[in-house]
Every structure is written in C-alpha cells, then in structure tokens.
Amino acid sequence: VQLQASGGGLVQAGGSLRLSCAASGRTFNNNMGWFRQAPGKEREFVAAISFRTYYADSVKGRFTISRDNAKNTVYLQMSSLKPDDTADYYCAAAYTGTYYIDKSYKYWGQGTQVTVSS
C-alpha cells in the first residue's frame, strides 16, 4: 500500500485547507489517520477514521476527517487554522489497536507541509 498526501500550503490564520491522502494497493484494513510534526516537536495524532472518527482535542471542532471509498482517498478538512497548526502532516493507514499511537499504523505517506501565518 502506498499513500500520497497532498494539499498543504501557506494560509493565513483563520483560513482553511483540505489535505488529501490517496491510497494505492490493497489492504483489508481501512483504518486511517493523520498525524503532524512541527519543527522541534514530536509527531502527534490529529485525526483517525474507522467506522467512526476520532480527533485530538486541539483540533476538535475545527478539523474533519472523511473518506471517499470509490477514490481510495481520505481527506482532512482544516478550518479556523491557527499558527500552532503549522507542521508537516502525514497520513497513515491500517492501524490496529490504539488509533492515536503512530506505532499502531502499518503504512505511512510522505508529509505535506502546512504553514499558518499570523
């Protein structure tokens, strides 16, 4: 399984961006997630989707994770962006167990950079 993340960019605080993660290949585990890593910080959980959705407290109410099964694509709609949201965002697939721990995921895409200016 290969994951291709896209959609990052530069946006002003309060703005919106939509990240996409296109999956190729086959897996029987469609549980997917987004993580992010800011400069000098550890990678942190953002959102995950299985038969339901999960969010980090820091993005709850502002970010929405969704999927289009026909396109094998997962999205992260980000609204009301803050400078603290600046990070490289990574999509990951096929988690088992704890959705908010990165080691639970089997496949990872490359990062897409999101920069939020104040």
N, C-alpha and C. Protein backbone atom coordinates (compact mmCIF):
# COMPACT_ATOMS: atom_id res chain seq x y z
N VAL A 1 0.85 -1.19 0.00
CA VAL A 1 0.00 0.00 0.00
C VAL A 1 0.89 1.24 0.00
N GLN A 2 0.59 2.14 -0.91
CA GLN A 2 1.31 3.42 -0.95
C GLN A 2 0.33 4.55 -0.70
N LEU A 3 0.79 5.54 0.04
CA LEU A 3 -0.05 6.68 0.38
C LEU A 3 0.60 7.95 -0.16
N GLN A 4 -0.21 8.78 -0.80
CA GLN A 4 0.27 10.03 -1.36
C GLN A 4 -0.53 11.17 -0.77
N ALA A 5 0.12 11.96 0.06
CA ALA A 5 -0.54 13.11 0.69
C ALA A 5 -0.32 14.36 -0.14
N SER A 6 -1.31 15.21 -0.15
CA SER A 6 -1.21 16.47 -0.88
C SER A 6 -2.15 17.49 -0.26
N GLY A 7 -2.01 18.74 -0.72
CA GLY A 7 -2.94 19.77 -0.29
C GLY A 7 -2.38 20.78 0.69
N GLY A 8 -1.15 20.57 1.13
CA GLY A 8 -0.56 21.53 2.06
C GLY A 8 -0.27 22.85 1.39
N GLY A 9 0.08 23.83 2.19
CA GLY A 9 0.40 25.13 1.65
C GLY A 9 0.49 26.18 2.74
N LEU A 10 0.52 27.42 2.29
CA LEU A 10 0.59 28.57 3.20
C LEU A 10 -0.79 29.21 3.27
N VAL A 11 -1.25 29.45 4.47
CA VAL A 11 -2.57 30.04 4.67
C VAL A 11 -2.51 30.99 5.87
N GLN A 12 -3.34 31.99 5.84
CA GLN A 12 -3.40 32.92 6.97
C GLN A 12 -4.23 32.32 8.10
N ALA A 13 -3.95 32.77 9.29
CA ALA A 13 -4.73 32.33 10.45
C ALA A 13 -6.21 32.59 10.20
N GLY A 14 -7.01 31.61 10.57
CA GLY A 14 -8.45 31.70 10.33
C GLY A 14 -8.89 31.09 9.02
N GLY A 15 -7.93 30.76 8.17
CA GLY A 15 -8.24 30.19 6.87
C GLY A 15 -8.45 28.69 6.92
N SER A 16 -8.61 28.12 5.73
CA SER A 16 -8.91 26.69 5.61
C SER A 16 -8.01 26.04 4.57
N LEU A 17 -7.80 24.75 4.75
CA LEU A 17 -7.10 23.93 3.78
C LEU A 17 -7.72 22.54 3.83
N ARG A 18 -7.64 21.83 2.71
CA ARG A 18 -8.06 20.44 2.70
C ARG A 18 -6.91 19.58 2.24
N LEU A 19 -6.51 18.67 3.08
CA LEU A 19 -5.47 17.71 2.74
C LEU A 19 -6.11 16.44 2.19
N SER A 20 -5.43 15.83 1.24
CA SER A 20 -5.89 14.58 0.66
C SER A 20 -4.82 13.52 0.84
N CYS A 21 -5.25 12.29 0.97
CA CYS A 21 -4.33 11.15 1.05
C CYS A 21 -4.89 10.05 0.17
N ALA A 22 -4.27 9.86 -0.98
CA ALA A 22 -4.70 8.84 -1.92
C ALA A 22 -3.94 7.55 -1.67
N ALA A 23 -4.68 6.46 -1.56
CA ALA A 23 -4.07 5.16 -1.29
C ALA A 23 -4.10 4.29 -2.53
N SER A 24 -3.00 3.63 -2.79
CA SER A 24 -2.95 2.66 -3.88
C SER A 24 -2.52 1.32 -3.29
N GLY A 25 -2.96 0.25 -3.93
CA GLY A 25 -2.69 -1.07 -3.38
C GLY A 25 -3.88 -1.55 -2.58
N ARG A 26 -3.75 -2.71 -2.01
CA ARG A 26 -4.90 -3.30 -1.33
C ARG A 26 -4.54 -3.64 0.11
N THR A 27 -5.43 -3.27 0.96
CA THR A 27 -5.31 -3.69 2.35
C THR A 27 -6.69 -4.03 2.85
N PHE A 28 -6.77 -4.97 3.74
CA PHE A 28 -8.07 -5.33 4.31
C PHE A 28 -8.40 -4.47 5.52
N ASN A 29 -7.47 -3.61 5.85
CA ASN A 29 -7.65 -2.72 6.99
C ASN A 29 -7.73 -1.30 6.49
N ASN A 30 -8.92 -0.71 6.54
CA ASN A 30 -9.12 0.64 6.01
C ASN A 30 -9.06 1.72 7.07
N ASN A 31 -8.60 1.35 8.25
CA ASN A 31 -8.49 2.37 9.29
C ASN A 31 -7.34 3.31 8.95
N MET A 32 -7.62 4.61 8.94
CA MET A 32 -6.60 5.56 8.52
C MET A 32 -6.54 6.74 9.49
N GLY A 33 -5.43 7.45 9.43
CA GLY A 33 -5.27 8.58 10.33
C GLY A 33 -4.35 9.64 9.78
N TRP A 34 -4.38 10.78 10.43
CA TRP A 34 -3.48 11.88 10.13
C TRP A 34 -2.69 12.22 11.40
N PHE A 35 -1.42 12.45 11.20
CA PHE A 35 -0.54 12.91 12.27
C PHE A 35 0.16 14.18 11.78
N ARG A 36 0.78 14.88 12.68
CA ARG A 36 1.55 16.05 12.28
C ARG A 36 2.78 16.18 13.15
N GLN A 37 3.78 16.84 12.58
CA GLN A 37 5.01 17.06 13.31
C GLN A 37 5.50 18.47 13.04
N ALA A 38 5.53 19.27 14.09
CA ALA A 38 6.03 20.63 13.99
C ALA A 38 7.54 20.63 14.22
N PRO A 39 8.23 21.64 13.73
CA PRO A 39 9.68 21.71 13.92
C PRO A 39 10.07 21.62 15.39
N GLY A 40 10.98 20.71 15.70
CA GLY A 40 11.46 20.57 17.06
C GLY A 40 10.51 19.84 18.00
N LYS A 41 9.42 19.33 17.47
CA LYS A 41 8.45 18.63 18.31
C LYS A 41 8.27 17.19 17.84
N GLU A 42 7.68 16.38 18.70
CA GLU A 42 7.39 15.00 18.33
C GLU A 42 6.13 14.94 17.47
N ARG A 43 6.06 13.88 16.71
CA ARG A 43 4.87 13.67 15.90
C ARG A 43 3.67 13.44 16.81
N GLU A 44 2.53 14.03 16.44
CA GLU A 44 1.34 13.92 17.28
C GLU A 44 0.13 13.54 16.44
N PHE A 45 -0.78 12.87 17.09
CA PHE A 45 -2.03 12.44 16.47
C PHE A 45 -2.91 13.64 16.17
N VAL A 46 -3.59 13.58 15.03
CA VAL A 46 -4.54 14.64 14.65
C VAL A 46 -5.96 14.07 14.55
N ALA A 47 -6.13 13.06 13.72
CA ALA A 47 -7.47 12.50 13.49
C ALA A 47 -7.35 11.10 12.91
N ALA A 48 -8.39 10.31 13.11
CA ALA A 48 -8.41 8.95 12.57
C ALA A 48 -9.84 8.61 12.18
N ILE A 49 -9.95 7.64 11.27
CA ILE A 49 -11.27 7.21 10.82
C ILE A 49 -11.29 5.70 10.66
N SER A 50 -12.29 5.08 11.23
CA SER A 50 -12.55 3.66 11.02
C SER A 50 -14.02 3.57 10.66
N PHE A 51 -14.84 2.96 11.54
CA PHE A 51 -16.29 3.05 11.35
C PHE A 51 -16.81 4.32 12.03
N ARG A 52 -15.93 5.02 12.72
CA ARG A 52 -16.25 6.31 13.32
C ARG A 52 -15.00 7.18 13.22
N THR A 53 -15.11 8.40 13.68
CA THR A 53 -13.99 9.33 13.61
C THR A 53 -13.49 9.69 15.00
N TYR A 54 -12.22 10.05 15.05
CA TYR A 54 -11.57 10.42 16.29
C TYR A 54 -10.73 11.66 16.05
N TYR A 55 -10.65 12.52 17.04
CA TYR A 55 -9.90 13.75 16.89
C TYR A 55 -9.08 14.06 18.14
N ALA A 56 -7.94 14.69 17.92
CA ALA A 56 -7.20 15.25 19.03
C ALA A 56 -7.98 16.44 19.59
N ASP A 57 -7.88 16.66 20.87
CA ASP A 57 -8.61 17.76 21.48
C ASP A 57 -8.25 19.10 20.84
N SER A 58 -7.01 19.23 20.41
CA SER A 58 -6.54 20.50 19.87
C SER A 58 -7.19 20.86 18.53
N VAL A 59 -7.77 19.89 17.85
CA VAL A 59 -8.37 20.17 16.53
C VAL A 59 -9.86 19.90 16.50
N LYS A 60 -10.41 19.36 17.58
CA LYS A 60 -11.82 19.02 17.62
C LYS A 60 -12.66 20.27 17.35
N GLY A 61 -13.62 20.13 16.46
CA GLY A 61 -14.48 21.24 16.11
C GLY A 61 -13.94 22.10 14.99
N ARG A 62 -12.68 21.91 14.62
CA ARG A 62 -12.08 22.70 13.54
C ARG A 62 -11.69 21.82 12.35
N PHE A 63 -11.29 20.59 12.61
CA PHE A 63 -10.86 19.68 11.56
C PHE A 63 -11.90 18.58 11.38
N THR A 64 -12.02 18.10 10.15
CA THR A 64 -12.93 17.00 9.85
C THR A 64 -12.21 15.99 8.97
N ILE A 65 -12.20 14.74 9.41
CA ILE A 65 -11.64 13.67 8.60
C ILE A 65 -12.78 12.94 7.90
N SER A 66 -12.56 12.59 6.64
CA SER A 66 -13.59 11.88 5.88
C SER A 66 -12.90 11.02 4.84
N ARG A 67 -13.68 10.15 4.20
CA ARG A 67 -13.10 9.28 3.17
C ARG A 67 -14.05 9.15 2.00
N ASP A 68 -13.45 8.89 0.86
CA ASP A 68 -14.20 8.58 -0.36
C ASP A 68 -13.70 7.20 -0.78
N ASN A 69 -14.47 6.18 -0.48
CA ASN A 69 -14.02 4.81 -0.76
C ASN A 69 -13.85 4.55 -2.25
N ALA A 70 -14.67 5.19 -3.07
CA ALA A 70 -14.56 4.99 -4.51
C ALA A 70 -13.23 5.50 -5.05
N LYS A 71 -12.70 6.52 -4.40
CA LYS A 71 -11.42 7.11 -4.83
C LYS A 71 -10.25 6.63 -3.97
N ASN A 72 -10.52 5.78 -3.00
CA ASN A 72 -9.47 5.34 -2.07
C ASN A 72 -8.71 6.52 -1.49
N THR A 73 -9.45 7.51 -1.08
CA THR A 73 -8.86 8.75 -0.61
C THR A 73 -9.46 9.16 0.73
N VAL A 74 -8.61 9.62 1.61
CA VAL A 74 -9.02 10.18 2.89
C VAL A 74 -8.68 11.66 2.90
N TYR A 75 -9.56 12.45 3.46
CA TYR A 75 -9.39 13.89 3.48
C TYR A 75 -9.28 14.41 4.91
N LEU A 76 -8.62 15.53 5.05
CA LEU A 76 -8.61 16.24 6.31
C LEU A 76 -8.95 17.70 6.00
N GLN A 77 -10.18 18.06 6.29
CA GLN A 77 -10.63 19.43 6.10
C GLN A 77 -10.25 20.22 7.35
N MET A 78 -9.45 21.25 7.15
CA MET A 78 -8.96 22.03 8.28
C MET A 78 -9.51 23.45 8.17
N SER A 79 -10.18 23.90 9.21
CA SER A 79 -10.77 25.23 9.23
C SER A 79 -10.29 25.96 10.48
N SER A 80 -10.52 27.27 10.47
CA SER A 80 -10.11 28.10 11.61
C SER A 80 -8.67 27.81 12.01
N LEU A 81 -7.82 27.77 11.01
CA LEU A 81 -6.43 27.40 11.26
C LEU A 81 -5.72 28.43 12.12
N LYS A 82 -4.81 27.91 12.94
CA LYS A 82 -4.03 28.73 13.86
C LYS A 82 -2.55 28.55 13.54
N PRO A 83 -1.72 29.50 13.93
CA PRO A 83 -0.27 29.31 13.73
C PRO A 83 0.25 28.03 14.38
N ASP A 84 -0.36 27.61 15.49
CA ASP A 84 0.06 26.37 16.14
C ASP A 84 -0.23 25.13 15.30
N ASP A 85 -1.02 25.26 14.26
CA ASP A 85 -1.29 24.13 13.37
C ASP A 85 -0.18 23.94 12.35
N THR A 86 0.78 24.84 12.32
CA THR A 86 1.90 24.73 11.38
C THR A 86 2.70 23.47 11.66
N ALA A 87 2.84 22.63 10.64
CA ALA A 87 3.53 21.34 10.80
C ALA A 87 3.57 20.63 9.46
N ASP A 88 4.35 19.56 9.43
CA ASP A 88 4.25 18.60 8.32
C ASP A 88 3.16 17.61 8.71
N TYR A 89 2.23 17.40 7.81
CA TYR A 89 1.12 16.50 8.07
C TYR A 89 1.33 15.18 7.31
N TYR A 90 1.12 14.08 8.02
CA TYR A 90 1.35 12.75 7.47
C TYR A 90 0.06 11.93 7.54
N CYS A 91 -0.24 11.23 6.47
CA CYS A 91 -1.34 10.27 6.55
C CYS A 91 -0.76 8.88 6.78
N ALA A 92 -1.55 8.06 7.42
CA ALA A 92 -1.13 6.70 7.75
C ALA A 92 -2.31 5.77 7.62
N ALA A 93 -2.03 4.50 7.38
CA ALA A 93 -3.11 3.55 7.13
C ALA A 93 -2.90 2.25 7.90
N ALA A 94 -4.02 1.56 8.04
CA ALA A 94 -4.04 0.21 8.59
C ALA A 94 -3.61 0.17 10.04
N TYR A 95 -4.25 0.98 10.86
CA TYR A 95 -3.92 0.89 12.28
C TYR A 95 -4.70 -0.26 12.91
N THR A 96 -4.06 -0.86 13.88
CA THR A 96 -4.71 -1.85 14.72
C THR A 96 -4.45 -1.45 16.17
N GLY A 97 -5.50 -1.54 16.97
CA GLY A 97 -5.33 -1.17 18.37
C GLY A 97 -5.59 0.30 18.58
N THR A 98 -4.62 1.00 19.11
CA THR A 98 -4.81 2.37 19.56
C THR A 98 -4.59 3.36 18.42
N TYR A 99 -5.63 4.05 18.03
CA TYR A 99 -5.59 4.90 16.84
C TYR A 99 -4.70 6.13 17.00
N TYR A 100 -4.44 6.56 18.24
CA TYR A 100 -3.69 7.80 18.44
C TYR A 100 -2.19 7.56 18.64
N ILE A 101 -1.76 6.31 18.50
CA ILE A 101 -0.34 5.98 18.63
C ILE A 101 0.21 5.66 17.25
N ASP A 102 1.28 6.35 16.86
CA ASP A 102 1.78 6.18 15.49
C ASP A 102 2.28 4.76 15.22
N LYS A 103 2.77 4.08 16.22
CA LYS A 103 3.27 2.71 16.00
C LYS A 103 2.14 1.73 15.69
N SER A 104 0.90 2.15 15.85
CA SER A 104 -0.23 1.28 15.53
C SER A 104 -0.48 1.18 14.04
N TYR A 105 0.15 2.07 13.25
CA TYR A 105 -0.11 2.15 11.82
C TYR A 105 0.94 1.40 11.02
N LYS A 106 0.48 0.74 9.97
CA LYS A 106 1.39 -0.08 9.17
C LYS A 106 2.00 0.67 8.00
N TYR A 107 1.25 1.59 7.41
CA TYR A 107 1.71 2.29 6.22
C TYR A 107 1.71 3.80 6.45
N TRP A 108 2.69 4.46 5.85
CA TRP A 108 2.81 5.91 6.01
C TRP A 108 3.08 6.56 4.66
N GLY A 109 2.50 7.75 4.49
CA GLY A 109 2.80 8.55 3.32
C GLY A 109 3.86 9.58 3.65
N GLN A 110 4.29 10.30 2.64
CA GLN A 110 5.23 11.39 2.87
C GLN A 110 4.47 12.58 3.44
N GLY A 111 5.13 13.50 4.04
CA GLY A 111 4.46 14.63 4.65
C GLY A 111 4.07 15.69 3.63
N THR A 112 3.07 16.45 4.00
CA THR A 112 2.71 17.64 3.24
C THR A 112 2.74 18.81 4.23
N GLN A 113 3.41 19.87 3.83
CA GLN A 113 3.67 20.96 4.76
C GLN A 113 2.51 21.95 4.82
N VAL A 114 2.13 22.28 6.03
CA VAL A 114 1.10 23.29 6.26
C VAL A 114 1.72 24.40 7.09
N THR A 115 1.63 25.62 6.58
CA THR A 115 2.16 26.79 7.29
C THR A 115 1.03 27.79 7.48
N VAL A 116 0.78 28.15 8.73
CA VAL A 116 -0.28 29.11 9.04
C VAL A 116 0.38 30.39 9.56
N SER A 117 0.18 31.45 8.84
CA SER A 117 0.78 32.73 9.23
C SER A 117 -0.18 33.52 10.11
N SER A 118 0.39 34.28 11.02
CA SER A 118 -0.45 35.06 11.94
C SER A 118 -0.76 36.43 11.38
